[in-house]
Amino acid sequence: MALELGHATDRKPPFKYASFTRVGFSDTDAQGIVYYGRYLPYFDSARVEYHAPARFDDLIEVFIRVSRIGRTSITYECAAYRVDDDVLMVTAQQTLVLVDLDERRACPLPDWYRGKIGGFEGEDLEA
C-alpha cells in the first residue's frame, strides 16, 4: 500500500490536513511503547496530552490545522490517531510568533499569509 504522507483531508473535522508517520523502534521504550518525548517531533510542539499509547510499528495519522491567526501569532492544533483502530493517541497545541530578527520584536503577520491560510481553513479559523 503506497501512502501519501502529507495530504488534505476531511476525515476529522475541523482538521483539513494530515500526515502519516510510522512509529520507529528508536521511538519506543523497553515495553515497546512510544516515549512521550518522541511525540514532539511528530507535532513540532512543546505540549502534549496522552489519550492512548502508541507502540512499535503502529501507523499513525497526524492531523494539523491552523486554529487561530492573531496579529503577530498563529496557533496550530494537532492530533494523532492510530490508523488500525482510529484511536486518538495524543493532542497538542502550538503558538508561533513572527519575529522581526533585526528589531528582535514580534511583528504583524503579512496579509498574503493570512489570505492563504484563511482560504484553506475557511470558517473553522478563529481570527
Protein backbone atom coordinates (compact mmCIF):
# COMPACT_ATOMS: atom_id res chain seq x y z
CA MET A 1 0.00 0.00 0.00
CA ALA A 2 1.51 3.34 -1.06
CA LEU A 3 0.72 6.16 1.36
CA GLU A 4 0.57 9.85 0.58
CA LEU A 5 2.36 11.06 3.70
CA GLY A 6 1.08 14.63 3.73
CA HIS A 7 -2.46 15.19 2.46
CA ALA A 8 -5.55 17.38 2.60
CA THR A 9 -8.39 15.56 4.37
CA ASP A 10 -11.94 15.93 5.64
CA ARG A 11 -11.75 12.78 7.79
CA LYS A 12 -11.51 14.53 11.19
CA PRO A 13 -13.16 17.99 11.03
CA PRO A 14 -12.14 20.67 11.78
CA PHE A 15 -8.72 19.31 10.72
CA LYS A 16 -8.13 19.74 6.99
CA TYR A 17 -4.57 18.40 6.69
CA ALA A 18 -2.86 15.27 7.99
CA SER A 19 0.26 13.23 7.51
CA PHE A 20 1.16 9.64 8.25
CA THR A 21 4.17 8.60 10.28
CA ARG A 22 5.23 5.14 11.40
CA VAL A 23 6.42 4.59 14.95
CA GLY A 24 10.05 3.56 14.72
CA PHE A 25 11.93 1.26 17.09
CA SER A 26 14.02 4.17 18.39
CA ASP A 27 10.79 5.98 19.37
CA THR A 28 9.83 3.27 21.86
CA ASP A 29 10.92 2.20 25.32
CA ALA A 30 11.70 -1.33 26.55
CA GLN A 31 7.95 -2.13 26.66
CA GLY A 32 7.57 -1.12 23.00
CA ILE A 33 5.53 1.97 23.90
CA VAL A 34 6.33 5.36 22.37
CA TYR A 35 8.39 7.52 24.69
CA TYR A 36 6.26 10.64 25.29
CA GLY A 37 9.06 12.94 24.16
CA ARG A 38 9.01 11.38 20.67
CA TYR A 39 5.56 12.84 20.00
CA LEU A 40 7.16 16.28 19.93
CA PRO A 41 8.88 15.71 16.59
CA TYR A 42 5.56 14.39 15.26
CA PHE A 43 3.86 17.67 16.12
CA ASP A 44 6.81 20.05 16.49
CA SER A 45 5.17 21.03 19.73
CA ALA A 46 6.13 21.53 23.36
CA ARG A 47 2.91 20.41 24.98
CA VAL A 48 1.13 17.06 24.66
CA GLU A 49 -1.78 15.29 26.28
CA TYR A 50 -1.97 11.48 26.16
CA HIS A 51 -5.08 9.58 25.18
CA ALA A 52 -3.58 6.14 24.38
CA PRO A 53 -0.07 4.68 23.98
CA ALA A 54 1.40 4.17 20.53
CA ARG A 55 3.50 1.04 20.10
CA PHE A 56 6.36 -0.03 17.86
CA ASP A 57 5.40 -0.21 14.16
CA ASP A 58 1.98 1.45 14.65
CA LEU A 59 0.92 3.55 11.68
CA ILE A 60 -0.20 6.94 12.96
CA GLU A 61 -2.09 9.60 11.02
CA VAL A 62 -1.05 13.02 12.31
CA PHE A 63 -3.54 15.85 11.73
CA ILE A 64 -2.60 19.51 11.88
CA ARG A 65 -4.61 22.68 11.39
CA VAL A 66 -4.33 26.40 11.97
CA SER A 67 -6.97 27.16 14.58
CA ARG A 68 -6.27 30.87 15.11
CA ILE A 69 -4.43 33.72 13.47
CA GLY A 70 -3.64 36.65 15.75
CA ARG A 71 -1.97 39.92 14.88
CA THR A 72 1.56 38.54 15.34
CA SER A 73 0.94 34.86 16.08
CA ILE A 74 -0.54 31.71 14.63
CA THR A 75 -1.89 28.79 16.67
CA TYR A 76 -1.78 25.19 15.45
CA GLU A 77 -3.78 22.24 16.78
CA CYS A 78 -2.52 18.71 16.28
CA ALA A 79 -3.97 15.24 16.84
CA ALA A 80 -2.58 11.78 16.14
CA TYR A 81 -4.76 8.72 15.52
CA ARG A 82 -3.68 5.09 15.24
CA VAL A 83 -4.77 4.04 11.75
CA ASP A 84 -5.69 0.40 12.53
CA ASP A 85 -8.45 1.24 15.04
CA ASP A 86 -8.80 5.05 14.72
CA VAL A 87 -7.91 5.57 18.39
CA LEU A 88 -6.90 9.10 19.38
CA MET A 89 -3.33 8.84 20.68
CA VAL A 90 -2.30 12.38 21.54
CA THR A 91 -3.18 16.04 21.01
CA ALA A 92 -1.07 19.18 21.06
CA GLN A 93 -1.34 22.91 20.57
CA GLN A 94 1.46 25.21 19.44
CA THR A 95 1.54 29.00 19.12
CA LEU A 96 4.24 30.59 16.99
CA VAL A 97 5.05 34.31 16.92
CA LEU A 98 6.52 36.08 13.89
CA VAL A 99 9.62 37.97 14.98
CA ASP A 100 11.49 40.75 13.19
CA LEU A 101 15.06 39.49 13.55
CA ASP A 102 16.62 42.95 13.28
CA GLU A 103 14.29 44.53 15.84
CA ARG A 104 14.01 41.33 17.91
CA ARG A 105 10.30 42.00 18.43
CA ALA A 106 7.02 40.49 17.36
CA CYS A 107 5.73 41.85 14.06
CA PRO A 108 2.39 41.58 12.22
CA LEU A 109 1.72 38.55 10.02
CA PRO A 110 1.60 39.52 6.32
CA ASP A 111 -1.82 39.88 4.70
CA TRP A 112 -0.87 37.44 1.89
CA TYR A 113 -0.18 34.76 4.52
CA ARG A 114 -3.46 35.43 6.31
CA GLY A 115 -5.27 35.14 2.99
CA LYS A 116 -3.68 31.79 2.06
CA ILE A 117 -4.32 30.24 5.48
CA GLY A 118 -7.81 31.72 5.70
CA GLY A 119 -8.65 30.38 2.24
CA PHE A 120 -7.53 26.88 3.21
CA GLU A 121 -9.00 26.68 6.74
CA GLY A 122 -12.23 28.53 5.91
CA GLU A 123 -14.79 29.28 8.59
CA ASP A 124 -13.14 26.94 11.12
CA LEU A 125 -10.37 29.54 11.53
CA GLU A 126 -10.58 31.88 14.50
CA ALA A 127 -9.19 35.29 13.55
